[in-house]
Amino acid sequence: MPIVVDASAIVPLVMDDEDDDTRAASLVHRIQTEGGLVPALFWYEIRNVLARAERTERSTPVKRELFLNLVESLSLKYDFPPPSESLFALIARHPLTVYDAAYLELALRNQCPLASRDADLVKAAQAEGLEVV
């Protein structure tokens, strides 16, 4: 079964000061084995994190390219935006941003586990009965 991947779950692989790179590496293996799904905004989120990391000298252009090559090699399936009512229903039930609700909606619609390090998103996923990685 594929896993829905929140950007926060995988970025420790590119950050020197993150202590969760072992968990992120394990997630990469699971994605390679089971497949991964992401909302379209994942593409922008990952690149935004990389740009900010370089600006604050938490990463380098070389690490950026290696990380992007890794992410692209995972052959993640990008999903189209869900109907607005689905997102707003989740936001009404949980204190989430629209961005986080997009990950949750995708996981719920596909009945897939969700990988995230975002506390509010993890709590909402658990409340909705999803497996959280």
N, C-alpha and C. Protein backbone atom coordinates (compact mmCIF):
# COMPACT_ATOMS: atom_id res chain seq x y z
N MET A 1 0.85 -1.17 0.00
CA MET A 1 0.00 0.00 0.00
C MET A 1 0.89 1.24 0.00
N PRO A 2 0.64 2.19 -0.90
CA PRO A 2 1.46 3.40 -0.93
C PRO A 2 1.29 4.22 0.35
N ILE A 3 2.23 5.10 0.58
CA ILE A 3 2.22 5.96 1.75
C ILE A 3 2.16 7.41 1.29
N VAL A 4 1.35 8.23 1.97
CA VAL A 4 1.30 9.66 1.67
C VAL A 4 2.44 10.32 2.44
N VAL A 5 3.26 11.09 1.74
CA VAL A 5 4.48 11.64 2.30
C VAL A 5 4.37 13.16 2.45
N ASP A 6 4.36 13.62 3.69
CA ASP A 6 4.42 15.06 3.99
C ASP A 6 5.87 15.49 3.84
N ALA A 7 6.08 16.68 3.32
CA ALA A 7 7.45 17.18 3.12
C ALA A 7 8.27 17.12 4.40
N SER A 8 7.64 17.38 5.54
CA SER A 8 8.37 17.40 6.81
C SER A 8 8.98 16.06 7.17
N ALA A 9 8.44 14.99 6.62
CA ALA A 9 8.93 13.65 6.96
C ALA A 9 10.22 13.30 6.24
N ILE A 10 10.50 13.97 5.14
CA ILE A 10 11.64 13.58 4.32
C ILE A 10 12.78 14.61 4.32
N VAL A 11 12.50 15.86 4.68
CA VAL A 11 13.54 16.88 4.63
C VAL A 11 14.71 16.67 5.59
N PRO A 12 14.58 15.90 6.67
CA PRO A 12 15.78 15.70 7.51
C PRO A 12 16.96 15.11 6.76
N LEU A 13 16.72 14.47 5.62
CA LEU A 13 17.82 13.91 4.84
C LEU A 13 18.75 14.97 4.28
N VAL A 14 18.27 16.19 4.13
CA VAL A 14 19.09 17.24 3.53
C VAL A 14 19.60 18.26 4.55
N MET A 15 19.12 18.21 5.77
CA MET A 15 19.50 19.18 6.79
C MET A 15 20.57 18.62 7.71
N ASP A 16 21.66 19.35 7.83
CA ASP A 16 22.76 18.92 8.70
C ASP A 16 22.37 18.89 10.17
N ASP A 17 21.46 19.77 10.56
CA ASP A 17 21.14 19.90 11.98
C ASP A 17 19.88 19.16 12.40
N GLU A 18 19.34 18.33 11.54
CA GLU A 18 18.16 17.54 11.89
C GLU A 18 18.63 16.22 12.49
N ASP A 19 17.94 15.77 13.52
CA ASP A 19 18.34 14.53 14.19
C ASP A 19 17.47 13.34 13.79
N ASP A 20 16.65 13.52 12.78
CA ASP A 20 15.71 12.47 12.39
C ASP A 20 16.06 11.84 11.05
N ASP A 21 17.32 11.93 10.63
CA ASP A 21 17.68 11.43 9.31
C ASP A 21 17.56 9.91 9.20
N THR A 22 17.68 9.17 10.30
CA THR A 22 17.54 7.72 10.27
C THR A 22 16.10 7.35 9.95
N ARG A 23 15.15 8.05 10.59
CA ARG A 23 13.74 7.80 10.30
C ARG A 23 13.40 8.16 8.87
N ALA A 24 13.97 9.27 8.37
CA ALA A 24 13.72 9.69 7.00
C ALA A 24 14.29 8.66 6.01
N ALA A 25 15.46 8.12 6.30
CA ALA A 25 16.05 7.09 5.44
C ALA A 25 15.18 5.84 5.42
N SER A 26 14.63 5.49 6.57
CA SER A 26 13.71 4.35 6.64
C SER A 26 12.46 4.62 5.81
N LEU A 27 11.98 5.86 5.85
CA LEU A 27 10.81 6.24 5.06
C LEU A 27 11.11 6.10 3.57
N VAL A 28 12.30 6.53 3.14
CA VAL A 28 12.68 6.41 1.73
C VAL A 28 12.62 4.95 1.30
N HIS A 29 13.14 4.06 2.14
CA HIS A 29 13.09 2.62 1.82
C HIS A 29 11.64 2.15 1.68
N ARG A 30 10.79 2.60 2.58
CA ARG A 30 9.38 2.18 2.53
C ARG A 30 8.70 2.71 1.26
N ILE A 31 9.01 3.95 0.87
CA ILE A 31 8.45 4.51 -0.36
C ILE A 31 8.92 3.70 -1.56
N GLN A 32 10.21 3.34 -1.58
CA GLN A 32 10.75 2.55 -2.69
C GLN A 32 10.06 1.19 -2.78
N THR A 33 9.69 0.64 -1.63
CA THR A 33 9.06 -0.67 -1.58
C THR A 33 7.57 -0.62 -1.87
N GLU A 34 6.88 0.36 -1.26
CA GLU A 34 5.42 0.39 -1.32
C GLU A 34 4.84 1.48 -2.22
N GLY A 35 5.66 2.44 -2.61
CA GLY A 35 5.17 3.55 -3.41
C GLY A 35 4.80 4.73 -2.53
N GLY A 36 4.71 5.90 -3.14
CA GLY A 36 4.38 7.10 -2.39
C GLY A 36 3.43 8.01 -3.15
N LEU A 37 2.57 8.68 -2.42
CA LEU A 37 1.63 9.65 -2.97
C LEU A 37 1.87 11.00 -2.31
N VAL A 38 1.75 12.07 -3.09
CA VAL A 38 1.90 13.42 -2.55
C VAL A 38 0.92 14.34 -3.26
N PRO A 39 0.43 15.36 -2.53
CA PRO A 39 -0.36 16.38 -3.22
C PRO A 39 0.58 17.23 -4.07
N ALA A 40 0.02 17.91 -5.06
CA ALA A 40 0.84 18.71 -5.98
C ALA A 40 1.68 19.74 -5.24
N LEU A 41 1.23 20.22 -4.10
CA LEU A 41 1.98 21.25 -3.38
C LEU A 41 3.30 20.73 -2.82
N PHE A 42 3.48 19.43 -2.74
CA PHE A 42 4.73 18.84 -2.26
C PHE A 42 5.92 19.37 -3.06
N TRP A 43 5.76 19.47 -4.38
CA TRP A 43 6.82 19.94 -5.27
C TRP A 43 7.32 21.30 -4.81
N TYR A 44 6.39 22.20 -4.48
CA TYR A 44 6.75 23.55 -4.04
C TYR A 44 7.30 23.56 -2.62
N GLU A 45 6.71 22.78 -1.75
CA GLU A 45 7.16 22.74 -0.36
C GLU A 45 8.61 22.29 -0.25
N ILE A 46 8.95 21.23 -0.95
CA ILE A 46 10.31 20.71 -0.91
C ILE A 46 11.30 21.76 -1.40
N ARG A 47 11.00 22.41 -2.48
CA ARG A 47 11.91 23.41 -3.02
C ARG A 47 11.99 24.65 -2.13
N ASN A 48 10.90 25.00 -1.48
CA ASN A 48 10.92 26.12 -0.55
C ASN A 48 11.82 25.81 0.64
N VAL A 49 11.71 24.60 1.17
CA VAL A 49 12.57 24.19 2.29
C VAL A 49 14.03 24.25 1.87
N LEU A 50 14.33 23.79 0.68
CA LEU A 50 15.72 23.80 0.20
C LEU A 50 16.24 25.23 0.03
N ALA A 51 15.41 26.10 -0.52
CA ALA A 51 15.83 27.50 -0.71
C ALA A 51 16.10 28.16 0.64
N ARG A 52 15.21 27.96 1.59
CA ARG A 52 15.41 28.54 2.93
C ARG A 52 16.64 27.96 3.61
N ALA A 53 16.87 26.67 3.42
CA ALA A 53 18.04 26.04 4.04
C ALA A 53 19.34 26.60 3.49
N GLU A 54 19.36 26.86 2.21
CA GLU A 54 20.58 27.44 1.63
C GLU A 54 20.77 28.88 2.09
N ARG A 55 19.67 29.64 2.18
CA ARG A 55 19.76 31.03 2.64
C ARG A 55 20.31 31.12 4.06
N THR A 56 19.96 30.16 4.89
CA THR A 56 20.40 30.18 6.29
C THR A 56 21.62 29.29 6.52
N GLU A 57 22.21 28.82 5.44
CA GLU A 57 23.42 27.99 5.46
C GLU A 57 23.25 26.69 6.23
N ARG A 58 22.03 26.14 6.19
CA ARG A 58 21.77 24.82 6.77
C ARG A 58 22.00 23.72 5.73
N SER A 59 22.17 24.13 4.47
CA SER A 59 22.40 23.19 3.39
C SER A 59 23.21 23.90 2.31
N THR A 60 23.53 23.15 1.26
CA THR A 60 24.34 23.69 0.17
C THR A 60 23.69 23.34 -1.17
N PRO A 61 24.09 24.02 -2.26
CA PRO A 61 23.57 23.67 -3.57
C PRO A 61 23.87 22.21 -3.96
N VAL A 62 25.02 21.71 -3.55
CA VAL A 62 25.36 20.31 -3.86
C VAL A 62 24.38 19.37 -3.16
N LYS A 63 24.11 19.62 -1.88
CA LYS A 63 23.15 18.78 -1.14
C LYS A 63 21.75 18.91 -1.74
N ARG A 64 21.41 20.13 -2.17
CA ARG A 64 20.09 20.34 -2.79
C ARG A 64 19.93 19.43 -4.00
N GLU A 65 20.93 19.43 -4.87
CA GLU A 65 20.84 18.62 -6.09
C GLU A 65 20.78 17.12 -5.77
N LEU A 66 21.58 16.69 -4.81
CA LEU A 66 21.53 15.27 -4.41
C LEU A 66 20.16 14.90 -3.85
N PHE A 67 19.61 15.79 -3.02
CA PHE A 67 18.30 15.53 -2.43
C PHE A 67 17.21 15.51 -3.50
N LEU A 68 17.23 16.48 -4.40
CA LEU A 68 16.22 16.51 -5.47
C LEU A 68 16.32 15.27 -6.36
N ASN A 69 17.54 14.84 -6.64
CA ASN A 69 17.70 13.61 -7.42
C ASN A 69 17.10 12.41 -6.68
N LEU A 70 17.32 12.36 -5.37
CA LEU A 70 16.74 11.28 -4.56
C LEU A 70 15.23 11.33 -4.62
N VAL A 71 14.65 12.51 -4.37
CA VAL A 71 13.19 12.64 -4.37
C VAL A 71 12.62 12.26 -5.74
N GLU A 72 13.26 12.72 -6.80
CA GLU A 72 12.78 12.38 -8.15
C GLU A 72 12.91 10.89 -8.44
N SER A 73 13.91 10.24 -7.87
CA SER A 73 14.09 8.80 -8.10
C SER A 73 13.01 7.97 -7.41
N LEU A 74 12.30 8.56 -6.46
CA LEU A 74 11.27 7.83 -5.72
C LEU A 74 10.01 7.61 -6.55
N SER A 75 9.89 8.29 -7.68
CA SER A 75 8.72 8.16 -8.54
C SER A 75 7.42 8.34 -7.76
N LEU A 76 7.38 9.40 -6.98
CA LEU A 76 6.16 9.71 -6.23
C LEU A 76 5.03 10.04 -7.20
N LYS A 77 3.84 9.64 -6.87
CA LYS A 77 2.67 9.96 -7.69
C LYS A 77 2.06 11.25 -7.15
N TYR A 78 1.96 12.24 -8.03
CA TYR A 78 1.39 13.52 -7.65
C TYR A 78 -0.11 13.50 -7.88
N ASP A 79 -0.85 14.00 -6.89
CA ASP A 79 -2.30 14.01 -6.95
C ASP A 79 -2.79 15.41 -7.31
N PHE A 80 -3.93 15.47 -7.95
CA PHE A 80 -4.55 16.75 -8.27
C PHE A 80 -5.23 17.31 -7.03
N PRO A 81 -5.46 18.62 -7.00
CA PRO A 81 -6.13 19.21 -5.84
C PRO A 81 -7.51 18.59 -5.60
N PRO A 82 -7.83 18.32 -4.34
CA PRO A 82 -9.13 17.75 -4.02
C PRO A 82 -10.21 18.84 -4.03
N PRO A 83 -11.46 18.43 -4.00
CA PRO A 83 -12.53 19.44 -3.92
C PRO A 83 -12.39 20.27 -2.64
N SER A 84 -12.71 21.55 -2.73
CA SER A 84 -12.59 22.45 -1.59
C SER A 84 -13.39 21.97 -0.39
N GLU A 85 -14.57 21.42 -0.63
CA GLU A 85 -15.39 21.00 0.51
C GLU A 85 -14.71 19.91 1.33
N SER A 86 -13.94 19.06 0.71
CA SER A 86 -13.21 18.02 1.45
C SER A 86 -12.18 18.64 2.39
N LEU A 87 -11.46 19.62 1.88
CA LEU A 87 -10.44 20.29 2.70
C LEU A 87 -11.08 21.06 3.85
N PHE A 88 -12.14 21.80 3.55
CA PHE A 88 -12.77 22.61 4.59
C PHE A 88 -13.46 21.75 5.65
N ALA A 89 -13.92 20.58 5.27
CA ALA A 89 -14.50 19.66 6.26
C ALA A 89 -13.42 19.20 7.24
N LEU A 90 -12.23 18.91 6.73
CA LEU A 90 -11.13 18.49 7.60
C LEU A 90 -10.66 19.65 8.48
N ILE A 91 -10.60 20.84 7.91
CA ILE A 91 -10.18 22.01 8.68
C ILE A 91 -11.19 22.33 9.78
N ALA A 92 -12.46 22.05 9.52
CA ALA A 92 -13.48 22.28 10.55
C ALA A 92 -13.32 21.31 11.72
N ARG A 93 -12.82 20.10 11.43
CA ARG A 93 -12.65 19.09 12.48
C ARG A 93 -11.30 19.17 13.19
N HIS A 94 -10.30 19.74 12.52
CA HIS A 94 -8.94 19.73 13.06
C HIS A 94 -8.28 21.09 12.84
N PRO A 95 -7.37 21.50 13.73
CA PRO A 95 -6.67 22.78 13.56
C PRO A 95 -5.52 22.66 12.55
N LEU A 96 -5.88 22.57 11.27
CA LEU A 96 -4.88 22.37 10.22
C LEU A 96 -4.87 23.55 9.25
N THR A 97 -3.72 23.73 8.59
CA THR A 97 -3.67 24.64 7.46
C THR A 97 -4.28 23.92 6.26
N VAL A 98 -4.59 24.65 5.24
CA VAL A 98 -5.10 24.03 4.01
C VAL A 98 -4.04 23.09 3.45
N TYR A 99 -2.77 23.48 3.59
CA TYR A 99 -1.68 22.66 3.07
C TYR A 99 -1.66 21.29 3.78
N ASP A 100 -1.73 21.32 5.09
CA ASP A 100 -1.71 20.06 5.84
C ASP A 100 -2.97 19.25 5.59
N ALA A 101 -4.10 19.93 5.45
CA ALA A 101 -5.35 19.23 5.16
C ALA A 101 -5.26 18.50 3.81
N ALA A 102 -4.49 19.03 2.87
CA ALA A 102 -4.33 18.37 1.57
C ALA A 102 -3.65 17.01 1.73
N TYR A 103 -2.65 16.93 2.60
CA TYR A 103 -1.99 15.64 2.85
C TYR A 103 -2.96 14.67 3.53
N LEU A 104 -3.69 15.17 4.52
CA LEU A 104 -4.64 14.32 5.25
C LEU A 104 -5.75 13.83 4.33
N GLU A 105 -6.28 14.72 3.51
CA GLU A 105 -7.35 14.33 2.59
C GLU A 105 -6.88 13.26 1.63
N LEU A 106 -5.67 13.40 1.12
CA LEU A 106 -5.12 12.42 0.18
C LEU A 106 -4.97 11.05 0.85
N ALA A 107 -4.47 11.05 2.07
CA ALA A 107 -4.32 9.79 2.81
C ALA A 107 -5.68 9.16 3.10
N LEU A 108 -6.65 9.96 3.49
CA LEU A 108 -7.98 9.42 3.78
C LEU A 108 -8.64 8.88 2.52
N ARG A 109 -8.56 9.64 1.44
CA ARG A 109 -9.21 9.22 0.19
C ARG A 109 -8.64 7.91 -0.33
N ASN A 110 -7.34 7.72 -0.13
CA ASN A 110 -6.69 6.50 -0.62
C ASN A 110 -6.51 5.44 0.46
N GLN A 111 -6.96 5.74 1.69
CA GLN A 111 -6.79 4.84 2.83
C GLN A 111 -5.35 4.35 2.94
N CYS A 112 -4.43 5.33 2.95
CA CYS A 112 -3.00 5.07 3.02
C CYS A 112 -2.44 5.59 4.33
N PRO A 113 -1.33 5.02 4.79
CA PRO A 113 -0.64 5.60 5.94
C PRO A 113 -0.11 6.99 5.57
N LEU A 114 0.14 7.80 6.59
CA LEU A 114 0.66 9.15 6.39
C LEU A 114 1.97 9.30 7.13
N ALA A 115 2.99 9.80 6.44
CA ALA A 115 4.29 10.08 7.06
C ALA A 115 4.39 11.58 7.26
N SER A 116 4.58 12.01 8.50
CA SER A 116 4.70 13.42 8.80
C SER A 116 5.41 13.60 10.13
N ARG A 117 6.06 14.77 10.29
CA ARG A 117 6.66 15.16 11.57
C ARG A 117 5.89 16.33 12.15
N ASP A 118 4.84 16.77 11.47
CA ASP A 118 4.03 17.90 11.91
C ASP A 118 3.05 17.42 12.98
N ALA A 119 3.17 17.95 14.18
CA ALA A 119 2.38 17.47 15.32
C ALA A 119 0.88 17.57 15.09
N ASP A 120 0.40 18.70 14.56
CA ASP A 120 -1.04 18.86 14.33
C ASP A 120 -1.54 17.89 13.27
N LEU A 121 -0.75 17.69 12.24
CA LEU A 121 -1.15 16.77 11.17
C LEU A 121 -1.16 15.34 11.68
N VAL A 122 -0.17 14.96 12.45
CA VAL A 122 -0.12 13.61 13.03
C VAL A 122 -1.33 13.38 13.93
N LYS A 123 -1.64 14.34 14.77
CA LYS A 123 -2.78 14.21 15.68
C LYS A 123 -4.09 14.07 14.89
N ALA A 124 -4.26 14.87 13.85
CA ALA A 124 -5.47 14.80 13.03
C ALA A 124 -5.57 13.45 12.32
N ALA A 125 -4.46 12.97 11.79
CA ALA A 125 -4.45 11.67 11.10
C ALA A 125 -4.83 10.55 12.06
N GLN A 126 -4.28 10.60 13.25
CA GLN A 126 -4.62 9.58 14.25
C GLN A 126 -6.09 9.66 14.63
N ALA A 127 -6.62 10.87 14.78
CA ALA A 127 -8.03 11.04 15.10
C ALA A 127 -8.93 10.52 13.98
N GLU A 128 -8.44 10.57 12.75
CA GLU A 128 -9.20 10.05 11.61
C GLU A 128 -8.99 8.54 11.41
N GLY A 129 -8.18 7.93 12.27
CA GLY A 129 -7.97 6.49 12.20
C GLY A 129 -6.93 6.03 11.22
N LEU A 130 -6.05 6.93 10.79
CA LEU A 130 -5.00 6.54 9.85
C LEU A 130 -3.75 6.07 10.57
N GLU A 131 -3.02 5.20 9.91
CA GLU A 131 -1.70 4.81 10.39
C GLU A 131 -0.76 5.98 10.14
N VAL A 132 0.04 6.33 11.13
CA VAL A 132 1.01 7.41 10.99
C VAL A 132 2.41 6.84 11.09
N VAL A 133 3.23 7.21 10.11
CA VAL A 133 4.61 6.72 10.06
C VAL A 133 5.52 7.79 10.59
